């Protein structure tokens, strides 16, 4: 028959080992949570920047549509290209 002290010692060691494992798992979980929070903040900042770029681009498109003269390349290949692409709005 096994010794009760040996069983108690084995169970105590097993319990200590399980407590350490749970502690490490909790620490890893906390680290992952912090990383997720940082990633979410980065995503929010990226979304804000994308929104700002969209707003700027929409403003430029509207400004281009309202502008009476459009800009074209300064070195067209032929003179006819200039006449084909000049657009003046009144």
PDB file of N, CA and C in Angstrom:
ATOM      1  N   UNK A   1       0.839  -1.170   0.000  1.00  0.00           N
ATOM      2  CA  UNK A   1       0.000   0.000   0.000  1.00  0.00           C
ATOM      3  C   UNK A   1       0.890   1.241   0.000  1.00  0.00           C
ATOM      4  N   UNK A   2       0.561   2.241  -0.830  1.00  0.00           N
ATOM      5  CA  UNK A   2       1.409   3.424  -0.913  1.00  0.00           C
ATOM      6  C   UNK A   2       1.377   4.216   0.386  1.00  0.00           C
ATOM      7  N   UNK A   3       2.456   4.916   0.584  1.00  0.00           N
ATOM      8  CA  UNK A   3       2.586   5.751   1.774  1.00  0.00           C
ATOM      9  C   UNK A   3       1.770   7.025   1.578  1.00  0.00           C
ATOM     10  N   UNK A   4       0.996   7.395   2.607  1.00  0.00           N
ATOM     11  CA  UNK A   4       0.141   8.581   2.514  1.00  0.00           C
ATOM     12  C   UNK A   4       0.969   9.856   2.391  1.00  0.00           C
ATOM     13  N   UNK A   5       2.145   9.888   2.969  1.00  0.00           N
ATOM     14  CA  UNK A   5       3.016  11.061   2.867  1.00  0.00           C
ATOM     15  C   UNK A   5       3.514  11.246   1.431  1.00  0.00           C
ATOM     16  N   UNK A   6       3.832  10.116   0.763  1.00  0.00           N
ATOM     17  CA  UNK A   6       4.292  10.193  -0.635  1.00  0.00           C
ATOM     18  C   UNK A   6       3.176  10.709  -1.546  1.00  0.00           C
ATOM     19  N   UNK A   7       1.963  10.239  -1.301  1.00  0.00           N
ATOM     20  CA  UNK A   7       0.814  10.683  -2.091  1.00  0.00           C
ATOM     21  C   UNK A   7       0.550  12.162  -1.846  1.00  0.00           C
ATOM     22  N   UNK A   8       0.612  12.567  -0.598  1.00  0.00           N
ATOM     23  CA  UNK A   8       0.370  13.977  -0.262  1.00  0.00           C
ATOM     24  C   UNK A   8       1.438  14.865  -0.900  1.00  0.00           C
ATOM     25  N   UNK A   9       2.701  14.408  -0.869  1.00  0.00           N
ATOM     26  CA  UNK A   9       3.787  15.183  -1.478  1.00  0.00           C
ATOM     27  C   UNK A   9       3.588  15.277  -2.990  1.00  0.00           C
ATOM     28  N   UNK A  10       3.220  14.187  -3.618  1.00  0.00           N
ATOM     29  CA  UNK A  10       2.985  14.182  -5.071  1.00  0.00           C
ATOM     30  C   UNK A  10       1.828  15.116  -5.433  1.00  0.00           C
ATOM     31  N   UNK A  11       0.764  15.074  -4.664  1.00  0.00           N
ATOM     32  CA  UNK A  11      -0.382  15.945  -4.931  1.00  0.00           C
ATOM     33  C   UNK A  11      -0.014  17.411  -4.714  1.00  0.00           C
ATOM     34  N   UNK A  12       0.798  17.664  -3.705  1.00  0.00           N
ATOM     35  CA  UNK A  12       1.235  19.039  -3.440  1.00  0.00           C
ATOM     36  C   UNK A  12       2.089  19.554  -4.606  1.00  0.00           C
ATOM     37  N   UNK A  13       2.993  18.716  -5.097  1.00  0.00           N
ATOM     38  CA  UNK A  13       3.830  19.110  -6.240  1.00  0.00           C
ATOM     39  C   UNK A  13       2.980  19.336  -7.488  1.00  0.00           C
ATOM     40  N   UNK A  14       2.007  18.469  -7.692  1.00  0.00           N
ATOM     41  CA  UNK A  14       1.112  18.617  -8.838  1.00  0.00           C
ATOM     42  C   UNK A  14       0.326  19.909  -8.735  1.00  0.00           C
ATOM     43  N   UNK A  15      -0.176  20.215  -7.533  1.00  0.00           N
ATOM     44  CA  UNK A  15      -0.936  21.447  -7.326  1.00  0.00           C
ATOM     45  C   UNK A  15      -0.051  22.671  -7.577  1.00  0.00           C
ATOM     46  N   UNK A  16       1.172  22.663  -7.077  1.00  0.00           N
ATOM     47  CA  UNK A  16       2.106  23.776  -7.311  1.00  0.00           C
ATOM     48  C   UNK A  16       2.379  23.945  -8.806  1.00  0.00           C
ATOM     49  N   UNK A  17       2.570  22.836  -9.469  1.00  0.00           N
ATOM     50  CA  UNK A  17       2.832  22.880 -10.913  1.00  0.00           C
ATOM     51  C   UNK A  17       1.634  23.464 -11.662  1.00  0.00           C
ATOM     52  N   UNK A  18       0.433  23.050 -11.294  1.00  0.00           N
ATOM     53  CA  UNK A  18      -0.777  23.573 -11.938  1.00  0.00           C
ATOM     54  C   UNK A  18      -0.953  25.070 -11.661  1.00  0.00           C
ATOM     55  N   UNK A  19      -0.653  25.494 -10.435  1.00  0.00           N
ATOM     56  CA  UNK A  19      -0.760  26.921 -10.095  1.00  0.00           C
ATOM     57  C   UNK A  19       0.212  27.735 -10.936  1.00  0.00           C
ATOM     58  N   UNK A  20       1.441  27.238 -11.109  1.00  0.00           N
ATOM     59  CA  UNK A  20       2.433  27.935 -11.942  1.00  0.00           C
ATOM     60  C   UNK A  20       1.967  28.007 -13.399  1.00  0.00           C
ATOM     61  N   UNK A  21       1.401  26.913 -13.884  1.00  0.00           N
ATOM     62  CA  UNK A  21       0.919  26.887 -15.266  1.00  0.00           C
ATOM     63  C   UNK A  21      -0.204  27.899 -15.467  1.00  0.00           C
ATOM     64  N   UNK A  22      -1.127  27.967 -14.515  1.00  0.00           N
ATOM     65  CA  UNK A  22      -2.229  28.918 -14.604  1.00  0.00           C
ATOM     66  C   UNK A  22      -1.690  30.346 -14.554  1.00  0.00           C
ATOM     67  N   UNK A  23      -0.712  30.583 -13.692  1.00  0.00           N
ATOM     68  CA  UNK A  23      -0.098  31.913 -13.595  1.00  0.00           C
ATOM     69  C   UNK A  23       0.547  32.329 -14.907  1.00  0.00           C
ATOM     70  N   UNK A  24       1.298  31.406 -15.528  1.00  0.00           N
ATOM     71  CA  UNK A  24       1.917  31.720 -16.832  1.00  0.00           C
ATOM     72  C   UNK A  24       0.867  31.958 -17.909  1.00  0.00           C
ATOM     73  N   UNK A  25      -0.188  31.156 -17.884  1.00  0.00           N
ATOM     74  CA  UNK A  25      -1.259  31.331 -18.867  1.00  0.00           C
ATOM     75  C   UNK A  25      -1.945  32.683 -18.681  1.00  0.00           C
ATOM     76  N   UNK A  26      -2.163  33.083 -17.439  1.00  0.00           N
ATOM     77  CA  UNK A  26      -2.771  34.385 -17.176  1.00  0.00           C
ATOM     78  C   UNK A  26      -1.864  35.520 -17.636  1.00  0.00           C
ATOM     79  N   UNK A  27      -0.570  35.371 -17.408  1.00  0.00           N
ATOM     80  CA  UNK A  27       0.380  36.403 -17.836  1.00  0.00           C
ATOM     81  C   UNK A  27       0.392  36.509 -19.365  1.00  0.00           C
ATOM     82  N   UNK A  28       0.409  35.377 -20.050  1.00  0.00           N
ATOM     83  CA  UNK A  28       0.360  35.399 -21.516  1.00  0.00           C
ATOM     84  C   UNK A  28      -0.944  36.023 -22.004  1.00  0.00           C
ATOM     85  N   UNK A  29      -2.041  35.702 -21.318  1.00  0.00           N
ATOM     86  CA  UNK A  29      -3.343  36.269 -21.667  1.00  0.00           C
ATOM     87  C   UNK A  29      -3.326  37.788 -21.503  1.00  0.00           C
ATOM     88  N   UNK A  30      -2.733  38.272 -20.408  1.00  0.00           N
ATOM     89  CA  UNK A  30      -2.635  39.717 -20.190  1.00  0.00           C
ATOM     90  C   UNK A  30      -1.796  40.381 -21.283  1.00  0.00           C
ATOM     91  N   UNK A  31      -0.677  39.735 -21.645  1.00  0.00           N
ATOM     92  CA  UNK A  31       0.174  40.285 -22.706  1.00  0.00           C
ATOM     93  C   UNK A  31      -0.565  40.332 -24.040  1.00  0.00           C
ATOM     94  N   UNK A  32      -1.299  39.276 -24.340  1.00  0.00           N
ATOM     95  CA  UNK A  32      -2.077  39.248 -25.579  1.00  0.00           C
ATOM     96  C   UNK A  32      -3.150  40.336 -25.568  1.00  0.00           C
ATOM     97  N   UNK A  33      -3.777  40.522 -24.420  1.00  0.00           N
ATOM     98  CA  UNK A  33      -4.808  41.556 -24.311  1.00  0.00           C
ATOM     99  C   UNK A  33      -4.202  42.940 -24.565  1.00  0.00           C
ATOM    100  N   UNK A  34      -3.029  43.194 -24.008  1.00  0.00           N
ATOM    101  CA  UNK A  34      -2.359  44.477 -24.230  1.00  0.00           C
ATOM    102  C   UNK A  34      -2.025  44.666 -25.713  1.00  0.00           C
ATOM    103  N   UNK A  35      -1.548  43.606 -26.358  1.00  0.00           N
ATOM    104  CA  UNK A  35      -1.235  43.684 -27.788  1.00  0.00           C
ATOM    105  C   UNK A  35      -2.492  43.949 -28.609  1.00  0.00           C
ATOM    106  N   UNK A  36      -3.587  43.310 -28.243  1.00  0.00           N
ATOM    107  CA  UNK A  36      -4.848  43.518 -28.965  1.00  0.00           C
ATOM    108  C   UNK A  36      -5.309  44.959 -28.812  1.00  0.00           C
ATOM    109  N   UNK A  37      -5.166  45.515 -27.603  1.00  0.00           N
ATOM    110  CA  UNK A  37      -5.546  46.908 -27.376  1.00  0.00           C
ATOM    111  C   UNK A  37      -4.688  47.830 -28.247  1.00  0.00           C
ATOM    112  N   UNK A  38      -3.378  47.563 -28.311  1.00  0.00           N
ATOM    113  CA  UNK A  38      -2.487  48.377 -29.147  1.00  0.00           C
ATOM    114  C   UNK A  38      -2.844  48.251 -30.622  1.00  0.00           C
ATOM    115  N   UNK A  39      -3.148  47.052 -31.061  1.00  0.00           N
ATOM    116  CA  UNK A  39      -3.522  46.844 -32.468  1.00  0.00           C
ATOM    117  C   UNK A  39      -4.820  47.588 -32.778  1.00  0.00           C
ATOM    118  N   UNK A  40      -5.786  47.515 -31.863  1.00  0.00           N
ATOM    119  CA  UNK A  40      -7.052  48.227 -32.072  1.00  0.00           C
ATOM    120  C   UNK A  40      -6.835  49.732 -32.139  1.00  0.00           C
ATOM    121  N   UNK A  41      -5.936  50.256 -31.285  1.00  0.00           N
ATOM    122  CA  UNK A  41      -5.631  51.686 -31.325  1.00  0.00           C
ATOM    123  C   UNK A  41      -4.978  52.049 -32.649  1.00  0.00           C
ATOM    124  N   UNK A  42      -4.075  51.196 -33.118  1.00  0.00           N
ATOM    125  CA  UNK A  42      -3.436  51.446 -34.411  1.00  0.00           C
ATOM    126  C   UNK A  42      -4.460  51.419 -35.542  1.00  0.00           C
ATOM    127  N   UNK A  43      -5.398  50.490 -35.471  1.00  0.00           N
ATOM    128  CA  UNK A  43      -6.449  50.405 -36.491  1.00  0.00           C
ATOM    129  C   UNK A  43      -7.330  51.649 -36.461  1.00  0.00           C
ATOM    130  N   UNK A  44      -7.657  52.123 -35.255  1.00  0.00           N
ATOM    131  CA  UNK A  44      -8.459  53.340 -35.138  1.00  0.00           C
ATOM    132  C   UNK A  44      -7.722  54.530 -35.744  1.00  0.00           C
ATOM    133  N   UNK A  45      -6.418  54.639 -35.450  1.00  0.00           N
ATOM    134  CA  UNK A  45      -5.624  55.730 -36.020  1.00  0.00           C
ATOM    135  C   UNK A  45      -5.555  55.624 -37.537  1.00  0.00           C
ATOM    136  N   UNK A  46      -5.411  54.402 -38.030  1.00  0.00           N
ATOM    137  CA  UNK A  46      -5.379  54.188 -39.482  1.00  0.00           C
ATOM    138  C   UNK A  46      -6.712  54.571 -40.112  1.00  0.00           C
ATOM    139  N   UNK A  47      -7.811  54.200 -39.483  1.00  0.00           N
ATOM    140  CA  UNK A  47      -9.137  54.560 -39.990  1.00  0.00           C
ATOM    141  C   UNK A  47      -9.312  56.077 -40.021  1.00  0.00           C
ATOM    142  N   UNK A  48      -8.814  56.764 -38.981  1.00  0.00           N
ATOM    143  CA  UNK A  48      -8.893  58.229 -38.965  1.00  0.00           C
ATOM    144  C   UNK A  48      -8.103  58.822 -40.118  1.00  0.00           C
ATOM    145  N   UNK A  49      -6.902  58.307 -40.349  1.00  0.00           N
ATOM    146  CA  UNK A  49      -6.072  58.808 -41.451  1.00  0.00           C
ATOM    147  C   UNK A  49      -6.736  58.549 -42.802  1.00  0.00           C
ATOM    148  N   UNK A  50      -7.320  57.385 -42.951  1.00  0.00           N
ATOM    149  CA  UNK A  50      -8.015  57.061 -44.205  1.00  0.00           C
ATOM    150  C   UNK A  50      -9.184  58.019 -44.397  1.00  0.00           C
ATOM    151  N   UNK A  51      -9.928  58.285 -43.329  1.00  0.00           N
ATOM    152  CA  UNK A  51     -11.038  59.235 -43.413  1.00  0.00           C
ATOM    153  C   UNK A  51     -10.559  60.621 -43.806  1.00  0.00           C
ATOM    154  N   UNK A  52      -9.416  61.052 -43.241  1.00  0.00           N
ATOM    155  CA  UNK A  52      -8.862  62.355 -43.597  1.00  0.00           C
ATOM    156  C   UNK A  52      -8.454  62.398 -45.064  1.00  0.00           C
ATOM    157  N   UNK A  53      -7.807  61.323 -45.529  1.00  0.00           N
ATOM    158  CA  UNK A  53      -7.417  61.274 -46.946  1.00  0.00           C
ATOM    159  C   UNK A  53      -8.632  61.300 -47.864  1.00  0.00           C
ATOM    160  N   UNK A  54      -9.662  60.554 -47.512  1.00  0.00           N
ATOM    161  CA  UNK A  54     -10.886  60.558 -48.322  1.00  0.00           C
ATOM    162  C   UNK A  54     -11.484  61.958 -48.371  1.00  0.00           C
ATOM    163  N   UNK A  55     -11.517  62.640 -47.236  1.00  0.00           N
ATOM    164  CA  UNK A  55     -12.070  63.990 -47.171  1.00  0.00           C
ATOM    165  C   UNK A  55     -11.257  64.937 -48.052  1.00  0.00           C
ATOM    166  N   UNK A  56      -9.932  64.827 -47.987  1.00  0.00           N
ATOM    167  CA  UNK A  56      -9.062  65.680 -48.809  1.00  0.00           C
ATOM    168  C   UNK A  56      -9.275  65.380 -50.290  1.00  0.00           C
ATOM    169  N   UNK A  57      -9.318  64.094 -50.647  1.00  0.00           N
ATOM    170  CA  UNK A  57      -9.499  63.723 -52.054  1.00  0.00           C
ATOM    171  C   UNK A  57     -10.847  64.201 -52.583  1.00  0.00           C
ATOM    172  N   UNK A  58     -11.897  64.056 -51.779  1.00  0.00           N
ATOM    173  CA  UNK A  58     -13.218  64.535 -52.212  1.00  0.00           C
ATOM    174  C   UNK A  58     -13.187  66.046 -52.413  1.00  0.00           C
ATOM    175  N   UNK A  59     -12.486  66.748 -51.520  1.00  0.00           N
ATOM    176  CA  UNK A  59     -12.368  68.199 -51.666  1.00  0.00           C
ATOM    177  C   UNK A  59     -11.623  68.579 -52.927  1.00  0.00           C
ATOM    178  N   UNK A  60     -10.564  67.827 -53.232  1.00  0.00           N
ATOM    179  CA  UNK A  60      -9.810  68.116 -54.451  1.00  0.00           C
ATOM    180  C   UNK A  60     -10.637  67.833 -55.692  1.00  0.00           C
ATOM    181  N   UNK A  61     -11.421  66.775 -55.663  1.00  0.00           N
ATOM    182  CA  UNK A  61     -12.273  66.449 -56.812  1.00  0.00           C
ATOM    183  C   UNK A  61     -13.308  67.552 -57.015  1.00  0.00           C
ATOM    184  N   UNK A  62     -13.932  68.003 -55.926  1.00  0.00           N
ATOM    185  CA  UNK A  62     -14.921  69.075 -56.043  1.00  0.00           C
ATOM    186  C   UNK A  62     -14.262  70.356 -56.544  1.00  0.00           C
ATOM    187  N   UNK A  63     -13.080  70.652 -56.021  1.00  0.00           N
ATOM    188  CA  UNK A  63     -12.374  71.864 -56.452  1.00  0.00           C
ATOM    189  C   UNK A  63     -12.027  71.782 -57.937  1.00  0.00           C
ATOM    190  N   UNK A  64     -11.623  70.600 -58.371  1.00  0.00           N
ATOM    191  CA  UNK A  64     -11.279  70.411 -59.779  1.00  0.00           C
ATOM    192  C   UNK A  64     -12.524  70.587 -60.652  1.00  0.00           C
ATOM    193  N   UNK A  65     -13.662  70.082 -60.166  1.00  0.00           N
ATOM    194  CA  UNK A  65     -14.899  70.209 -60.931  1.00  0.00           C
ATOM    195  C   UNK A  65     -15.358  71.665 -60.999  1.00  0.00           C
ATOM    196  N   UNK A  66     -15.124  72.445 -59.959  1.00  0.00           N
ATOM    197  CA  UNK A  66     -15.561  73.838 -59.915  1.00  0.00           C
ATOM    198  C   UNK A  66     -14.585  74.774 -60.622  1.00  0.00           C
ATOM    199  N   UNK A  67     -13.349  74.336 -60.806  1.00  0.00           N
ATOM    200  CA  UNK A  67     -12.327  75.193 -61.396  1.00  0.00           C
ATOM    201  C   UNK A  67     -12.658  75.481 -62.858  1.00  0.00           C
ATOM    202  N   UNK A  68     -12.542  76.750 -63.302  1.00  0.00           N
ATOM    203  CA  UNK A  68     -12.866  77.071 -64.688  1.00  0.00           C
ATOM    204  C   UNK A  68     -11.817  76.565 -65.671  1.00  0.00           C
ATOM    205  N   UNK A  69     -10.608  76.326 -65.219  1.00  0.00           N
ATOM    206  CA  UNK A  69      -9.535  75.868 -66.119  1.00  0.00           C
ATOM    207  C   UNK A  69      -8.919  74.613 -65.522  1.00  0.00           C
ATOM    208  N   UNK A  70      -8.681  73.648 -66.388  1.00  0.00           N
ATOM    209  CA  UNK A  70      -8.053  72.409 -65.942  1.00  0.00           C
ATOM    210  C   UNK A  70      -6.581  72.421 -66.352  1.00  0.00           C
ATOM    211  N   UNK A  71      -5.752  71.830 -65.528  1.00  0.00           N
ATOM    212  CA  UNK A  71      -4.333  71.731 -65.836  1.00  0.00           C
ATOM    213  C   UNK A  71      -4.056  70.429 -66.569  1.00  0.00           C
ATOM    214  N   UNK A  72      -3.187  70.519 -67.569  1.00  0.00           N
ATOM    215  CA  UNK A  72      -2.812  69.362 -68.346  1.00  0.00           C
ATOM    216  C   UNK A  72      -1.298  69.303 -68.422  1.00  0.00           C
ATOM    217  N   UNK A  73      -0.751  68.179 -68.845  1.00  0.00           N
ATOM    218  CA  UNK A  73       0.710  68.075 -68.932  1.00  0.00           C
ATOM    219  C   UNK A  73       1.299  69.203 -69.765  1.00  0.00           C
ATOM    220  N   UNK A  74       2.486  69.650 -69.368  1.00  0.00           N
ATOM    221  CA  UNK A  74       3.117  70.769 -70.078  1.00  0.00           C
ATOM    222  C   UNK A  74       3.840  70.333 -71.340  1.00  0.00           C
ATOM    223  N   UNK A  75       4.027  69.043 -71.534  1.00  0.00           N
ATOM    224  CA  UNK A  75       4.738  68.557 -72.717  1.00  0.00           C
ATOM    225  C   UNK A  75       3.904  67.539 -73.476  1.00  0.00           C
ATOM    226  N   UNK A  76       2.834  67.958 -74.126  1.00  0.00           N
ATOM    227  CA  UNK A  76       2.050  66.993 -74.917  1.00  0.00           C
ATOM    228  C   UNK A  76       2.851  66.557 -76.140  1.00  0.00           C
ATOM    229  N   UNK A  77       2.482  65.436 -76.695  1.00  0.00           N
ATOM    230  CA  UNK A  77       3.197  64.906 -77.851  1.00  0.00           C
ATOM    231  C   UNK A  77       2.939  65.707 -79.117  1.00  0.00           C
ATOM    232  N   UNK A  78       1.709  66.147 -79.288  1.00  0.00           N
ATOM    233  CA  UNK A  78       1.393  66.904 -80.499  1.00  0.00           C
ATOM    234  C   UNK A  78       0.552  68.114 -80.128  1.00  0.00           C
ATOM    235  N   UNK A  79       0.481  69.061 -81.020  1.00  0.00           N
ATOM    236  CA  UNK A  79      -0.328  70.256 -80.791  1.00  0.00           C
ATOM    237  C   UNK A  79      -1.807  69.898 -80.726  1.00  0.00           C
ATOM    238  N   UNK A  80      -2.223  68.900 -81.493  1.00  0.00           N
ATOM    239  CA  UNK A  80      -3.640  68.536 -81.490  1.00  0.00           C
ATOM    240  C   UNK A  80      -4.072  67.982 -80.133  1.00  0.00           C
ATOM    241  N   UNK A  81      -3.138  67.377 -79.402  1.00  0.00           N
ATOM    242  CA  UNK A  81      -3.481  66.870 -78.083  1.00  0.00           C
ATOM    243  C   UNK A  81      -3.875  68.004 -77.148  1.00  0.00           C
ATOM    244  N   UNK A  82      -3.255  69.145 -77.303  1.00  0.00           N
ATOM    245  CA  UNK A  82      -3.600  70.294 -76.472  1.00  0.00           C
ATOM    246  C   UNK A  82      -5.051  70.662 -76.705  1.00  0.00           C
ATOM    247  N   UNK A  83      -5.469  70.777 -77.953  1.00  0.00           N
ATOM    248  CA  UNK A  83      -6.840  71.163 -78.284  1.00  0.00           C
ATOM    249  C   UNK A  83      -7.827  70.070 -77.883  1.00  0.00           C
ATOM    250  N   UNK A  84      -7.408  68.813 -77.958  1.00  0.00           N
ATOM    251  CA  UNK A  84      -8.304  67.708 -77.578  1.00  0.00           C
ATOM    252  C   UNK A  84      -8.584  67.683 -76.080  1.00  0.00           C
ATOM    253  N   UNK A  85      -7.652  68.208 -75.283  1.00  0.00           N
ATOM    254  CA  UNK A  85      -7.782  68.057 -73.839  1.00  0.00           C
ATOM    255  C   UNK A  85      -8.081  69.351 -73.092  1.00  0.00           C
ATOM    256  N   UNK A  86      -8.083  70.472 -73.742  1.00  0.00           N
ATOM    257  CA  UNK A  86      -8.374  71.735 -73.057  1.00  0.00           C
ATOM    258  C   UNK A  86      -9.855  71.779 -72.739  1.00  0.00           C
ATOM    259  N   UNK A  87     -10.137  72.125 -71.497  1.00  0.00           N
ATOM    260  CA  UNK A  87     -11.518  72.196 -71.062  1.00  0.00           C
ATOM    261  C   UNK A  87     -11.685  73.466 -70.251  1.00  0.00           C
ATOM    262  N   UNK A  88     -12.559  74.333 -70.682  1.00  0.00           N
ATOM    263  CA  UNK A  88     -12.826  75.570 -69.967  1.00  0.00           C
ATOM    264  C   UNK A  88     -14.311  75.572 -69.599  1.00  0.00           C
ATOM    265  N   UNK A  89     -14.593  75.804 -68.316  1.00  0.00           N
ATOM    266  CA  UNK A  89     -15.966  75.824 -67.832  1.00  0.00           C
ATOM    267  C   UNK A  89     -16.385  77.264 -67.550  1.00  0.00           C
ATOM    268  N   UNK A  90     -17.596  77.606 -67.954  1.00  0.00           N
ATOM    269  CA  UNK A  90     -18.122  78.937 -67.690  1.00  0.00           C
ATOM    270  C   UNK A  90     -19.363  78.863 -66.884  1.00  0.00           C
TER     271      UNK A  90
END
